[in-house]
Amino acid sequence: MTVLIIGGSGFLGTELVRQAVSAGLSPAATFHSRPGDHGGATWHPLDLRDSLRLEEVLDTVAPAVVINATSGGADWAVTAEGGIRLAQAAAERGIRLVHVSSDAIFSGTGRDGYNESCRPDPLTPYGAAKAAAETAVRLLCPDTAAVARTSLIIGNGHSEHEQLVHALAAGTRQGALFTDDIRCPVHVEDLAAALWEITQFDAAGVFHLAGPDALSRHELGELIARRDGLDPARLPSARRSDTGLPGGLGVRLNSRATQQKLHTRLRGAREFLSGSSPEQT
C-alpha cells in the first residue's frame, strides 16, 4: 500500500514517517520549507495553496491513502482551502483520505464533553479553518474519508507545549499557562499509531484521538516540568477568561467510542508524563 503523508516534516508527520519506515514501509511525504530528516521516505515539495503542484504530487506518488497531517495554523488559504483542495483531488482519484483535525473546532460550552457526533462551533480563526476543512472532507469524500480530531500533541520533549514550558521555567519567554483552558493531551506516538490503524479501516466518518485525562494547560505544564526535573513553581499561571483572548475553555474530547475500535491504547498525560526526562531515557 502506497501512503502519502502531507506535512511529513512537521511534528506529527515526522512520527508518522518514523513509524511507517520502522514497519518496513516506504512512505512518500511532503514538506513546505525543507524535507524531513528521515531517509526512509521519498520527499516531495508541496504548498497546499498550489492546486497544480498538489495534482502533480498525487499523480506521481499514486497513493492508495493520503494522511493530511499538515499544520497551517490560522492561515485560511492553507488550513481551510488547502484541506478542501486536497479533499477534491482525493475524491476525483478515489484515494482514501485520513484528515487530521483539531479540538479547536469546539467552543468548550459542551459541559459533557464532545463525542464524534458533535458539530463544530469554533471561536477562533484556526478553529474555523479546521472546521471548514473537515466539513468539506466529509461532504466531498463521504464514503472514503476519515476525519481524526485530536487535542494537544505532546512527545519526548519536542512538542510546542513542552518547549514553552522549558522557556517559561527558564525565564527566557514571557507569558503564562492558563488554569482554565482544559484539553485532553495525547502522546504523538499513540496518535500516529492510531492514525496508521485508521488508514486500514473500511469505515469513513469521524474519529476522536485524544487522551483520557482532561487537564488545564498549567496542570500539563506542571507534569512536564516534574518529568524534566524543572521546578513547577516557576511556571507562571493565568486565567484565559481574564485575558479576553478567544478560544474554548473546557474542550474535552470524548474518545471512548473510537478507542473501542483501536488496538492502540491512547494514554493519558498523567501516565505518559510520569517517567523521567526524555533526555534520560
Protein backbone atom coordinates (compact mmCIF):
# COMPACT_ATOMS: atom_id res chain seq x y z
CA MET A 1 0.00 0.00 0.00
CA THR A 2 1.39 3.38 -1.02
CA VAL A 3 0.77 6.15 1.52
CA LEU A 4 1.39 9.87 1.11
CA ILE A 5 1.85 11.93 4.28
CA ILE A 6 1.02 15.60 3.75
CA GLY A 7 3.11 17.64 6.20
CA GLY A 8 5.59 14.84 6.74
CA SER A 9 8.29 17.17 8.06
CA GLY A 10 6.10 18.51 10.88
CA PHE A 11 5.91 17.25 14.45
CA LEU A 12 3.17 14.67 13.86
CA GLY A 13 4.28 13.96 10.30
CA THR A 14 7.79 13.11 11.45
CA GLU A 15 6.42 10.46 13.82
CA LEU A 16 4.13 9.08 11.10
CA VAL A 17 7.13 8.71 8.80
CA ARG A 18 9.24 7.11 11.54
CA GLN A 19 6.59 4.51 12.37
CA ALA A 20 6.00 3.71 8.70
CA VAL A 21 9.67 3.11 8.00
CA SER A 22 10.02 1.05 11.19
CA ALA A 23 7.18 -1.14 9.94
CA GLY A 24 9.00 -1.76 6.67
CA LEU A 25 7.01 0.70 4.56
CA SER A 26 8.46 3.25 2.16
CA PRO A 27 6.13 6.22 2.56
CA ALA A 28 6.03 9.33 0.43
CA ALA A 29 5.86 12.60 2.34
CA THR A 30 5.61 16.29 1.57
CA PHE A 31 7.35 19.31 3.00
CA HIS A 32 6.93 23.07 2.63
CA SER A 33 10.30 24.59 3.52
CA ARG A 34 12.69 21.64 3.89
CA PRO A 35 12.39 17.84 3.80
CA GLY A 36 12.37 15.78 6.96
CA ASP A 37 15.48 14.07 8.30
CA HIS A 38 14.31 10.51 7.72
CA GLY A 39 15.92 8.96 4.67
CA GLY A 40 13.42 6.11 4.52
CA ALA A 41 10.79 8.33 2.91
CA THR A 42 10.51 9.86 -0.55
CA TRP A 43 10.15 13.63 -0.14
CA HIS A 44 8.13 15.97 -2.33
CA PRO A 45 7.90 19.79 -2.00
CA LEU A 46 4.30 20.96 -1.72
CA ASP A 47 2.37 24.10 -0.90
CA LEU A 48 -1.30 23.26 -0.44
CA ARG A 49 -2.19 26.63 -1.93
CA ASP A 50 -0.85 25.38 -5.28
CA SER A 51 -3.51 23.15 -6.83
CA LEU A 52 -1.41 22.21 -9.86
CA ARG A 53 1.51 21.12 -7.71
CA LEU A 54 -0.84 19.12 -5.48
CA GLU A 55 -2.17 17.24 -8.51
CA GLU A 56 1.39 16.62 -9.72
CA VAL A 57 2.38 15.07 -6.40
CA LEU A 58 -0.73 12.89 -6.22
CA ASP A 59 -0.27 11.67 -9.80
CA THR A 60 3.45 11.00 -9.26
CA VAL A 61 3.02 9.09 -5.99
CA ALA A 62 -0.34 7.48 -6.91
CA PRO A 63 -1.14 6.73 -3.24
CA ALA A 64 -3.89 4.45 -2.01
CA VAL A 65 -4.12 6.54 1.16
CA VAL A 66 -3.29 10.16 1.99
CA ILE A 67 -2.84 11.32 5.60
CA ASN A 68 -3.20 15.08 5.91
CA ALA A 69 -1.08 15.94 8.95
CA THR A 70 -0.18 19.44 7.85
CA SER A 71 -0.49 22.36 10.23
CA GLY A 72 -1.18 25.69 8.59
CA GLY A 73 -2.32 27.39 11.77
CA ALA A 74 -4.86 30.14 11.23
CA ASP A 75 -3.80 30.64 7.60
CA TRP A 76 -7.15 30.14 5.87
CA ALA A 77 -5.54 29.55 2.46
CA VAL A 78 -3.57 26.59 3.81
CA THR A 79 -5.68 25.10 6.60
CA ALA A 80 -9.15 25.56 5.10
CA GLU A 81 -8.76 25.99 1.35
CA GLY A 82 -5.77 23.64 1.19
CA GLY A 83 -7.70 20.94 3.03
CA ILE A 84 -10.67 21.43 0.72
CA ARG A 85 -8.43 21.32 -2.35
CA LEU A 86 -6.88 18.05 -1.14
CA ALA A 87 -10.31 16.53 -0.48
CA GLN A 88 -11.44 17.40 -4.00
CA ALA A 89 -8.33 15.87 -5.56
CA ALA A 90 -8.61 12.73 -3.43
CA ALA A 91 -12.30 12.30 -4.31
CA GLU A 92 -11.56 12.62 -8.04
CA ARG A 93 -8.91 9.89 -7.80
CA GLY A 94 -10.71 7.57 -5.39
CA ILE A 95 -7.98 7.92 -2.75
CA ARG A 96 -8.75 7.20 0.90
CA LEU A 97 -8.14 10.35 2.93
CA VAL A 98 -7.33 10.50 6.63
CA HIS A 99 -7.71 14.14 7.61
CA VAL A 100 -6.28 15.25 10.96
CA SER A 101 -8.49 17.86 12.61
CA SER A 102 -8.44 19.60 15.99
CA ASP A 103 -10.43 20.14 19.16
CA ALA A 104 -10.17 23.86 18.29
CA ILE A 105 -13.34 23.38 16.23
CA PHE A 106 -15.32 23.37 19.50
CA SER A 107 -16.32 26.29 21.74
CA GLY A 108 -15.98 24.48 25.06
CA THR A 109 -19.60 25.11 26.03
CA GLY A 110 -20.41 21.40 25.90
CA ARG A 111 -20.44 20.51 29.60
CA ASP A 112 -20.48 16.77 28.98
CA GLY A 113 -17.57 16.87 26.54
CA TYR A 114 -17.56 16.28 22.80
CA ASN A 115 -18.05 12.93 21.14
CA GLU A 116 -17.76 12.09 17.45
CA SER A 117 -21.32 13.21 16.67
CA CYS A 118 -20.88 16.79 17.93
CA ARG A 119 -20.96 19.59 15.39
CA PRO A 120 -18.24 22.24 15.16
CA ASP A 121 -18.83 25.63 16.78
CA PRO A 122 -15.39 27.30 16.66
CA LEU A 123 -14.42 30.55 18.36
CA THR A 124 -11.03 31.21 16.73
CA PRO A 125 -9.79 31.69 13.14
CA TYR A 126 -7.77 28.48 13.44
CA GLY A 127 -10.80 26.56 14.68
CA ALA A 128 -12.94 27.98 11.89
CA ALA A 129 -10.36 26.96 9.27
CA LYS A 130 -10.16 23.44 10.68
CA ALA A 131 -13.95 23.17 10.83
CA ALA A 132 -14.32 24.30 7.22
CA ALA A 133 -11.76 21.76 6.05
CA GLU A 134 -13.25 18.80 7.88
CA THR A 135 -16.78 19.72 6.76
CA ALA A 136 -15.60 19.75 3.15
CA VAL A 137 -13.80 16.43 3.60
CA ARG A 138 -16.96 14.79 4.90
CA LEU A 139 -19.07 16.24 2.08
CA LEU A 140 -16.67 15.52 -0.78
CA CYS A 141 -15.49 12.08 0.41
CA PRO A 142 -18.44 10.69 2.39
CA ASP A 143 -17.53 7.04 1.79
CA THR A 144 -13.73 7.16 1.73
CA ALA A 145 -12.53 9.77 4.23
CA ALA A 146 -11.84 9.64 7.94
CA VAL A 147 -11.72 12.83 10.00
CA ALA A 148 -9.48 12.34 13.05
CA ARG A 149 -9.91 15.04 15.68
CA THR A 150 -7.19 15.34 18.28
CA SER A 151 -6.05 17.61 21.10
CA LEU A 152 -2.71 18.94 22.38
CA ILE A 153 0.04 16.70 20.99
CA ILE A 154 2.92 16.00 23.38
CA GLY A 155 6.00 13.92 22.86
CA ASN A 156 9.55 13.33 24.05
CA GLY A 157 10.42 16.95 24.72
CA HIS A 158 9.97 18.24 21.18
CA SER A 159 6.38 19.45 21.14
CA GLU A 160 5.49 23.13 21.13
CA HIS A 161 3.95 22.93 24.60
CA GLU A 162 6.96 21.16 26.11
CA GLN A 163 9.32 23.75 24.65
CA LEU A 164 7.10 26.54 26.00
CA VAL A 165 7.23 25.02 29.50
CA HIS A 166 11.03 24.95 29.41
CA ALA A 167 11.23 28.54 28.18
CA LEU A 168 8.82 29.80 30.84
CA ALA A 169 10.64 27.92 33.60
CA ALA A 170 13.96 29.36 32.42
CA GLY A 171 12.54 32.86 32.19
CA THR A 172 13.54 33.19 28.53
CA ARG A 173 9.98 33.74 27.37
CA GLN A 174 7.16 35.85 28.72
CA GLY A 175 3.64 34.53 29.12
CA ALA A 176 1.63 32.20 31.31
CA LEU A 177 -0.07 28.83 31.26
CA PHE A 178 -3.83 29.06 31.62
CA THR A 179 -5.51 27.32 34.54
CA ASP A 180 -8.97 27.39 32.94
CA ASP A 181 -8.07 26.16 29.42
CA ILE A 182 -8.85 22.43 29.52
CA ARG A 183 -7.72 19.92 26.90
CA CYS A 184 -7.13 16.16 26.63
CA PRO A 185 -3.44 15.79 25.64
CA VAL A 186 -2.26 12.83 23.58
CA HIS A 187 1.21 11.43 23.03
CA VAL A 188 2.47 11.81 19.45
CA GLU A 189 3.49 8.13 19.30
CA ASP A 190 0.00 6.98 20.31
CA LEU A 191 -1.64 9.40 17.89
CA ALA A 192 0.50 8.33 14.95
CA ALA A 193 -0.07 4.63 15.68
CA ALA A 194 -3.83 5.21 15.87
CA LEU A 195 -3.79 7.11 12.58
CA TRP A 196 -1.98 4.22 10.91
CA GLU A 197 -4.70 1.90 12.20
CA ILE A 198 -7.40 4.17 10.79
CA THR A 199 -5.79 4.04 7.35
CA GLN A 200 -6.70 0.33 7.38
CA PHE A 201 -10.33 0.87 8.38
CA ASP A 202 -13.06 0.36 5.81
CA ALA A 203 -15.32 2.81 7.60
CA ALA A 204 -15.50 6.53 6.90
CA GLY A 205 -16.61 9.18 9.37
CA VAL A 206 -15.30 10.97 12.44
CA PHE A 207 -12.85 9.55 14.98
CA HIS A 208 -11.62 11.14 18.21
CA LEU A 209 -7.99 10.56 19.16
CA ALA A 210 -7.27 12.25 22.47
CA GLY A 211 -6.06 11.08 25.84
CA PRO A 212 -8.47 10.26 28.69
CA ASP A 213 -7.04 12.90 31.09
CA ALA A 214 -8.65 16.35 30.94
CA LEU A 215 -6.04 18.85 32.15
CA SER A 216 -5.54 22.58 32.14
CA ARG A 217 -2.54 23.89 30.23
CA HIS A 218 -0.98 24.79 33.58
CA GLU A 219 -1.54 21.30 35.03
CA LEU A 220 0.01 19.84 31.90
CA GLY A 221 2.95 22.20 32.26
CA GLU A 222 3.50 21.09 35.85
CA LEU A 223 3.60 17.43 34.75
CA ILE A 224 6.14 18.25 32.05
CA ALA A 225 8.25 20.25 34.50
CA ARG A 226 8.34 17.44 37.07
CA ARG A 227 9.26 14.87 34.43
CA ASP A 228 12.10 17.05 33.18
CA GLY A 229 13.47 17.99 36.59
CA LEU A 230 12.22 21.58 36.49
CA ASP A 231 10.57 23.49 39.32
CA PRO A 232 6.81 23.66 38.60
CA ALA A 233 6.58 26.70 40.88
CA ARG A 234 8.49 28.69 38.25
CA LEU A 235 5.64 28.33 35.75
CA PRO A 236 3.51 31.49 35.67
CA SER A 237 -0.25 30.96 35.63
CA ALA A 238 -3.23 32.99 34.47
CA ARG A 239 -6.86 32.60 33.57
CA ARG A 240 -7.69 32.78 29.90
CA SER A 241 -11.11 34.12 30.77
CA ASP A 242 -9.42 37.18 32.26
CA THR A 243 -7.40 37.97 29.13
CA GLY A 244 -10.15 38.42 26.55
CA LEU A 245 -8.38 36.01 24.19
CA PRO A 246 -10.79 33.93 22.08
CA GLY A 247 -10.99 30.17 22.38
CA GLY A 248 -12.82 27.41 24.18
CA LEU A 249 -12.13 26.94 27.89
CA GLY A 250 -13.33 23.40 28.51
CA VAL A 251 -12.80 21.35 25.36
CA ARG A 252 -12.89 17.73 26.46
CA LEU A 253 -12.76 15.29 23.55
CA ASN A 254 -14.54 12.04 24.37
CA SER A 255 -12.58 9.32 22.56
CA ARG A 256 -14.19 6.25 24.13
CA ALA A 257 -16.11 5.16 21.03
CA THR A 258 -13.04 5.40 18.82
CA GLN A 259 -10.82 3.72 21.44
CA GLN A 260 -13.05 0.65 21.34
CA LYS A 261 -12.17 0.24 17.65
CA LEU A 262 -8.42 0.57 18.12
CA HIS A 263 -5.64 -1.76 19.21
CA THR A 264 -3.54 1.29 20.08
CA ARG A 265 -4.20 2.50 23.62
CA LEU A 266 -4.41 6.28 23.88
CA ARG A 267 -2.63 7.02 27.16
CA GLY A 268 -3.48 9.92 29.42
CA ALA A 269 -0.94 12.66 30.11
CA ARG A 270 -0.57 11.61 33.75
CA GLU A 271 0.66 8.25 32.53
CA PHE A 272 2.94 9.22 29.66
CA LEU A 273 4.49 12.12 31.61
CA SER A 274 5.12 10.10 34.76
CA GLY A 275 8.57 8.88 33.68
CA SER A 276 11.97 10.52 33.54
CA SER A 277 13.09 13.29 31.22
CA PRO A 278 13.23 12.20 27.56
CA GLU A 279 16.93 13.07 27.57
CA GLN A 280 17.44 10.38 30.25
CA THR A 281 15.57 7.55 28.57
